Protein backbone atom coordinates (compact mmCIF):
# COMPACT_ATOMS: atom_id res chain seq x y z
CA MET A 1 -33.18 -19.70 -8.36
CA ASN A 2 -32.36 -23.27 -7.50
CA MET A 3 -29.81 -24.31 -4.88
CA ARG A 4 -27.26 -25.56 -7.42
CA ILE A 5 -27.05 -22.15 -9.15
CA LYS A 6 -26.73 -20.39 -5.77
CA ILE A 7 -23.83 -22.63 -4.78
CA VAL A 8 -22.05 -22.08 -8.11
CA LEU A 9 -22.52 -18.30 -7.84
CA ALA A 10 -21.28 -18.25 -4.24
CA ALA A 11 -18.19 -20.28 -5.19
CA LEU A 12 -17.51 -17.99 -8.14
CA CYS A 13 -17.78 -14.88 -5.93
CA LEU A 14 -15.36 -16.36 -3.38
CA PHE A 15 -12.92 -17.30 -6.16
CA ILE A 16 -13.01 -13.80 -7.68
CA ALA A 17 -12.62 -12.16 -4.26
CA GLY A 18 -9.62 -14.39 -3.55
CA ILE A 19 -7.96 -13.43 -6.83
CA ALA A 20 -8.57 -9.72 -6.27
CA SER A 21 -7.20 -9.90 -2.74
CA ALA A 22 -4.07 -11.75 -3.83
CA GLN A 23 -3.35 -9.25 -6.59
CA SER A 24 -3.62 -6.19 -4.37
CA ASN A 25 -1.71 -7.48 -1.36
CA LEU A 26 2.03 -6.95 -1.53
CA TYR A 27 2.33 -8.55 1.90
CA ASN A 28 1.69 -12.00 0.40
CA LYS A 29 4.37 -11.33 -2.19
CA PHE A 30 7.15 -9.97 0.06
CA SER A 31 6.50 -11.07 3.66
CA ASP A 32 8.53 -14.27 3.38
CA ARG A 33 11.26 -12.92 1.13
CA ASN A 34 14.81 -12.99 2.54
CA GLY A 35 16.27 -9.57 3.16
CA ILE A 36 12.92 -7.72 3.30
CA THR A 37 11.43 -6.57 6.57
CA SER A 38 7.63 -6.61 6.30
CA VAL A 39 5.22 -4.92 8.67
CA HIS A 40 1.42 -5.11 8.60
CA ILE A 41 -0.57 -2.76 10.82
CA SER A 42 -4.23 -3.77 10.88
CA LYS A 43 -7.30 -1.59 11.33
CA THR A 44 -7.64 -2.92 14.90
CA ILE A 45 -4.16 -1.70 15.86
CA LEU A 46 -4.72 1.62 14.09
CA LYS A 47 -7.90 2.15 16.14
CA MET A 48 -6.07 1.24 19.37
CA MET A 49 -3.33 3.75 18.54
CA GLY A 50 -5.93 6.47 18.21
CA ASP A 51 -4.86 9.82 16.85
CA LYS A 52 -1.09 9.68 16.65
CA LYS A 53 1.71 10.77 14.43
CA VAL A 54 3.63 7.75 13.14
CA GLY A 55 7.15 8.88 12.47
CA PRO A 56 8.09 12.00 10.53
CA GLY A 57 5.66 12.93 7.80
CA LEU A 58 2.93 10.34 8.51
CA ASN A 59 0.06 11.74 10.54
CA LEU A 60 -2.85 9.35 11.27
CA ASN A 61 -4.74 11.96 13.28
CA GLY A 62 -8.45 11.31 12.69
CA LEU A 63 -7.81 8.73 9.96
CA SER A 64 -7.74 5.44 11.86
CA ASP A 65 -11.37 4.68 10.95
CA LYS A 66 -10.68 5.30 7.26
CA ILE A 67 -7.57 3.13 6.93
CA ASP A 68 -8.08 -0.63 6.69
CA ASP A 69 -4.44 -1.74 6.43
CA LEU A 70 -1.00 -0.19 6.47
CA TYR A 71 1.96 -2.17 5.11
CA VAL A 72 5.66 -1.33 5.17
CA PHE A 73 8.37 -3.22 3.28
CA THR A 74 12.00 -2.21 3.63
CA THR A 75 15.40 -3.60 2.70
CA GLU A 76 19.04 -2.70 2.30
CA ASN A 77 19.76 -5.97 0.49
CA GLN A 78 20.64 -5.30 -3.16
CA GLU A 79 18.77 -8.30 -4.58
CA ALA A 80 15.64 -7.58 -2.52
CA SER A 81 15.91 -3.90 -3.38
CA SER A 82 15.81 -4.83 -7.06
CA ALA A 83 12.60 -6.80 -6.48
CA LEU A 84 10.96 -3.80 -4.81
CA ALA A 85 12.15 -1.51 -7.62
CA LYS A 86 10.65 -3.93 -10.15
CA GLU A 87 7.37 -3.70 -8.24
CA GLU A 88 7.46 0.09 -8.56
CA LYS A 89 7.83 -0.24 -12.33
CA SER A 90 4.70 -2.39 -12.46
CA TYR A 91 2.74 0.28 -10.56
CA LYS A 92 4.09 3.01 -12.80
CA SER A 93 2.93 1.19 -15.92
CA SER A 94 -0.42 0.09 -14.47
CA LYS A 95 -3.56 1.85 -15.66
CA LYS A 96 -5.13 1.31 -12.22
CA TYR A 97 -2.68 3.69 -10.53
CA GLU A 98 -2.11 7.39 -11.00
CA GLU A 99 1.24 8.96 -10.23
CA LEU A 100 0.69 11.61 -7.59
CA ILE A 101 4.24 12.77 -6.84
CA LYS A 102 7.69 11.95 -8.20
CA VAL A 103 10.80 13.41 -6.55
CA LYS A 104 14.39 12.74 -7.58
CA ASP A 105 17.39 14.35 -5.98
CA THR A 106 20.99 13.38 -5.32
CA THR A 107 20.17 11.12 -2.34
CA ASP A 108 16.56 9.94 -2.75
CA ASP A 109 13.99 8.90 -5.30
CA VAL A 110 10.38 9.08 -4.10
CA ALA A 111 7.23 8.17 -6.00
CA ILE A 112 3.67 8.16 -4.71
CA TYR A 113 0.81 6.52 -6.58
CA ILE A 114 -2.91 6.36 -5.81
CA ARG A 115 -5.69 4.04 -6.88
CA ASN A 116 -9.03 5.78 -7.11
CA GLY A 117 -12.35 4.13 -6.42
CA LYS A 118 -15.75 5.49 -7.32
CA LYS A 119 -16.00 7.78 -4.28
CA TYR A 120 -12.68 7.50 -2.48
CA ILE A 121 -8.99 6.98 -2.92
CA GLU A 122 -8.71 3.28 -2.11
CA GLU A 123 -4.94 2.92 -2.00
CA ILE A 124 -1.86 5.04 -1.59
CA ILE A 125 1.50 3.49 -2.27
CA MET A 126 4.82 5.21 -1.73
CA PHE A 127 8.19 3.99 -3.02
CA VAL A 128 11.34 5.47 -1.46
CA HIS A 129 14.86 4.64 -2.63
CA ASP A 130 17.73 6.03 -0.55
CA LYS A 131 20.64 5.99 -2.99
CA GLU A 132 23.31 6.50 -0.33
CA SER A 133 22.38 3.50 1.86
CA GLN A 134 20.69 1.54 -0.97
CA GLU A 135 17.67 1.21 1.33
CA TYR A 136 14.39 0.71 -0.50
CA THR A 137 11.06 1.17 1.25
CA ILE A 138 7.45 0.71 0.17
CA VAL A 139 4.56 2.06 2.27
CA GLN A 140 1.10 0.90 1.22
CA ILE A 141 -2.09 2.32 2.76
CA ILE A 142 -5.42 0.70 1.92
CA GLY A 143 -8.71 2.31 2.93
CA ARG A 144 -11.27 4.89 1.93
CA LEU A 145 -9.59 8.28 1.89
CA THR A 146 -10.51 11.68 0.47
CA LYS A 147 -8.14 14.28 -0.93
CA ASP A 148 -8.37 16.17 2.39
CA ASP A 149 -7.39 12.97 4.21
CA ILE A 150 -4.26 12.71 2.07
CA ASN A 151 -3.29 16.25 3.07
CA LYS A 152 -3.77 15.28 6.75
CA LEU A 153 -1.87 12.05 6.25
CA ALA A 154 1.11 13.82 4.73
CA ASP A 155 0.87 16.47 7.46
CA LEU A 156 0.47 19.25 4.87
């Protein structure tokens, strides 16, 4: 294969990887948006934390090597909340994501979706809408998780 073809193929691969990364990263979409608090916890920080429980209902015990990124987006701003709710609708209608759990009660709406890879669950995304405070939160976990890992993660 000549050098010109190699350069074109390399450029094409980088272009495709850039598109795929931009489409799957909510952080790029919401990190600079007014009224939304965005948090990114990288694999490095997760490893430094070790085996810890992060708040109620999120147990990272033994999972820090399997999680690449953890993102949290939260707002009480009505306009920003609408943008996050719109994002949930796009996940719900996407063929890439499978609805895992949907809970509706008088105070909260919760939906959890997963994106399966060939061997692992590659992404878990949770949408939580607190109707009383109008707070809307998205938690996105990207990595290589098994079904047993999800049970550990949810502290089941």
